[in-house]
N, C-alpha and C. Protein backbone atom coordinates (compact mmCIF):
# COMPACT_ATOMS: atom_id res chain seq x y z
N MET A 1 -97.66 -98.70 -161.14
CA MET A 1 -98.09 -97.66 -160.20
C MET A 1 -97.86 -96.26 -160.80
N PRO A 2 -96.67 -96.00 -161.35
CA PRO A 2 -96.37 -94.68 -161.95
C PRO A 2 -97.41 -94.31 -163.00
N ASP A 3 -97.87 -95.31 -163.74
CA ASP A 3 -98.89 -95.04 -164.78
C ASP A 3 -100.14 -94.46 -164.13
N GLU A 4 -100.53 -95.03 -162.99
CA GLU A 4 -101.74 -94.54 -162.31
C GLU A 4 -101.56 -93.08 -161.90
N ALA A 5 -100.39 -92.76 -161.39
CA ALA A 5 -100.13 -91.37 -160.95
C ALA A 5 -100.29 -90.43 -162.13
N GLN A 6 -99.75 -90.81 -163.28
CA GLN A 6 -99.86 -89.95 -164.47
C GLN A 6 -101.32 -89.81 -164.88
N SER A 7 -102.06 -90.91 -164.83
CA SER A 7 -103.48 -90.88 -165.23
C SER A 7 -104.23 -89.92 -164.30
N ALA A 8 -103.95 -90.00 -163.02
CA ALA A 8 -104.63 -89.13 -162.04
C ALA A 8 -104.22 -87.68 -162.27
N ALA A 9 -102.99 -87.48 -162.66
CA ALA A 9 -102.50 -86.10 -162.88
C ALA A 9 -103.17 -85.51 -164.12
N ALA A 10 -103.40 -86.32 -165.13
CA ALA A 10 -104.02 -85.82 -166.38
C ALA A 10 -105.44 -85.32 -166.09
N PRO A 11 -106.27 -86.08 -165.40
CA PRO A 11 -107.64 -85.66 -165.07
C PRO A 11 -107.64 -84.35 -164.30
N GLN A 12 -106.66 -84.12 -163.48
CA GLN A 12 -106.62 -82.89 -162.68
C GLN A 12 -106.63 -81.66 -163.58
N PRO A 13 -105.67 -81.53 -164.50
CA PRO A 13 -105.62 -80.36 -165.41
C PRO A 13 -106.93 -80.23 -166.19
N ASP A 14 -107.50 -81.37 -166.58
CA ASP A 14 -108.76 -81.32 -167.35
C ASP A 14 -109.88 -80.77 -166.47
N LYS A 15 -109.89 -81.14 -165.20
CA LYS A 15 -110.97 -80.68 -164.30
C LYS A 15 -110.95 -79.15 -164.19
N PRO A 16 -109.83 -78.55 -163.85
CA PRO A 16 -109.72 -77.08 -163.75
C PRO A 16 -110.23 -76.39 -165.01
N VAL A 17 -109.90 -76.95 -166.16
CA VAL A 17 -110.32 -76.33 -167.43
C VAL A 17 -111.83 -76.48 -167.61
N ALA A 18 -112.35 -77.65 -167.23
CA ALA A 18 -113.79 -77.90 -167.39
C ALA A 18 -114.57 -77.09 -166.34
N ALA A 19 -113.99 -76.90 -165.19
CA ALA A 19 -114.67 -76.15 -164.11
C ALA A 19 -115.00 -74.73 -164.58
N PRO A 20 -114.03 -73.97 -165.05
CA PRO A 20 -114.27 -72.60 -165.54
C PRO A 20 -115.33 -72.59 -166.64
N ALA A 21 -115.32 -73.58 -167.50
CA ALA A 21 -116.28 -73.63 -168.62
C ALA A 21 -117.69 -73.86 -168.07
N THR A 22 -117.81 -74.68 -167.04
CA THR A 22 -119.14 -74.95 -166.46
C THR A 22 -119.71 -73.70 -165.80
N PRO A 23 -118.94 -73.02 -164.96
CA PRO A 23 -119.40 -71.78 -164.30
C PRO A 23 -119.89 -70.77 -165.32
N GLN A 24 -119.19 -70.64 -166.42
CA GLN A 24 -119.58 -69.66 -167.44
C GLN A 24 -120.99 -69.99 -167.95
N LYS A 25 -121.24 -71.26 -168.20
CA LYS A 25 -122.57 -71.66 -168.71
C LYS A 25 -123.62 -71.35 -167.64
N ALA A 26 -123.30 -71.60 -166.40
CA ALA A 26 -124.24 -71.36 -165.30
C ALA A 26 -124.36 -69.86 -165.02
N ALA A 27 -123.35 -69.11 -165.38
CA ALA A 27 -123.36 -67.65 -165.12
C ALA A 27 -124.63 -67.03 -165.68
N PRO A 28 -124.93 -67.22 -166.97
CA PRO A 28 -126.14 -66.63 -167.57
C PRO A 28 -127.39 -67.09 -166.82
N SER A 29 -127.43 -68.35 -166.41
CA SER A 29 -128.60 -68.88 -165.71
C SER A 29 -128.54 -68.49 -164.23
N ASN A 30 -127.34 -68.54 -163.66
CA ASN A 30 -127.19 -68.20 -162.23
C ASN A 30 -126.60 -66.80 -162.08
N ALA A 31 -127.34 -65.89 -161.54
CA ALA A 31 -126.84 -64.52 -161.34
C ALA A 31 -125.74 -64.49 -160.29
N PRO A 32 -125.80 -65.36 -159.29
CA PRO A 32 -124.79 -65.38 -158.21
C PRO A 32 -123.40 -65.72 -158.74
N LYS A 33 -123.32 -66.23 -159.97
CA LYS A 33 -122.00 -66.58 -160.53
C LYS A 33 -121.08 -65.36 -160.55
N PRO A 34 -121.53 -64.19 -160.92
CA PRO A 34 -120.69 -62.97 -160.94
C PRO A 34 -120.04 -62.71 -159.58
N ALA A 35 -120.55 -63.29 -158.54
CA ALA A 35 -119.99 -63.07 -157.19
C ALA A 35 -118.55 -63.60 -157.12
N PRO A 36 -118.26 -64.80 -157.62
CA PRO A 36 -116.89 -65.36 -157.59
C PRO A 36 -115.84 -64.40 -158.14
N PRO A 37 -116.07 -63.78 -159.27
CA PRO A 37 -115.11 -62.82 -159.85
C PRO A 37 -114.75 -61.72 -158.85
N GLU A 38 -115.70 -61.27 -158.05
CA GLU A 38 -115.41 -60.20 -157.08
C GLU A 38 -114.32 -60.64 -156.09
N PRO A 39 -114.50 -61.79 -155.44
CA PRO A 39 -113.49 -62.30 -154.50
C PRO A 39 -112.10 -62.35 -155.14
N ALA A 40 -112.04 -62.73 -156.38
CA ALA A 40 -110.75 -62.81 -157.08
C ALA A 40 -110.12 -61.43 -157.13
N ALA A 41 -110.90 -60.41 -157.44
CA ALA A 41 -110.38 -59.04 -157.53
C ALA A 41 -109.92 -58.59 -156.14
N ASP A 42 -110.68 -58.95 -155.12
CA ASP A 42 -110.30 -58.56 -153.75
C ASP A 42 -108.95 -59.17 -153.40
N ALA A 43 -108.75 -60.42 -153.78
CA ALA A 43 -107.49 -61.11 -153.46
C ALA A 43 -106.33 -60.38 -154.14
N VAL A 44 -106.57 -59.85 -155.32
CA VAL A 44 -105.50 -59.14 -156.05
C VAL A 44 -105.34 -57.72 -155.50
N ARG A 45 -106.40 -57.15 -155.02
CA ARG A 45 -106.33 -55.77 -154.51
C ARG A 45 -105.52 -55.68 -153.22
N PRO A 46 -105.75 -56.58 -152.29
CA PRO A 46 -104.99 -56.56 -151.02
C PRO A 46 -103.48 -56.42 -151.26
N PRO A 47 -102.89 -57.24 -152.12
CA PRO A 47 -101.45 -57.14 -152.42
C PRO A 47 -101.10 -55.74 -152.94
N GLU A 48 -101.91 -55.20 -153.82
CA GLU A 48 -101.64 -53.87 -154.38
C GLU A 48 -101.72 -52.82 -153.27
N ALA A 49 -102.73 -52.91 -152.43
CA ALA A 49 -102.91 -51.94 -151.34
C ALA A 49 -101.71 -52.03 -150.39
N ALA A 50 -101.21 -53.22 -150.18
CA ALA A 50 -100.08 -53.41 -149.26
C ALA A 50 -98.84 -52.74 -149.87
N LYS A 51 -98.66 -52.82 -151.17
CA LYS A 51 -97.48 -52.21 -151.82
C LYS A 51 -97.47 -50.70 -151.58
N PRO A 52 -98.53 -49.99 -151.92
CA PRO A 52 -98.60 -48.53 -151.72
C PRO A 52 -98.39 -48.18 -150.24
N ALA A 53 -98.89 -49.01 -149.36
CA ALA A 53 -98.76 -48.75 -147.91
C ALA A 53 -97.28 -48.79 -147.53
N GLU A 54 -96.53 -49.70 -148.08
CA GLU A 54 -95.10 -49.82 -147.73
C GLU A 54 -94.35 -48.54 -148.12
N PRO A 55 -94.42 -48.11 -149.36
CA PRO A 55 -93.71 -46.89 -149.80
C PRO A 55 -94.20 -45.68 -149.01
N ALA A 56 -95.50 -45.61 -148.73
CA ALA A 56 -96.06 -44.47 -147.99
C ALA A 56 -95.44 -44.43 -146.60
N ALA A 57 -95.33 -45.60 -145.98
CA ALA A 57 -94.78 -45.65 -144.62
C ALA A 57 -93.32 -45.24 -144.69
């Protein structure tokens, strides 16, 4: 059973790595691909905006 868990865990790391590589290939063909990067920046911006708000308050 433990062997199966390890096998399943190995495919997981491979998937995340293959996922980013696939989007990049589709990016040139799919213009909407650039949209995902925006959400990522927004997620990082909220934390930064919250930090300045704390000191300001």
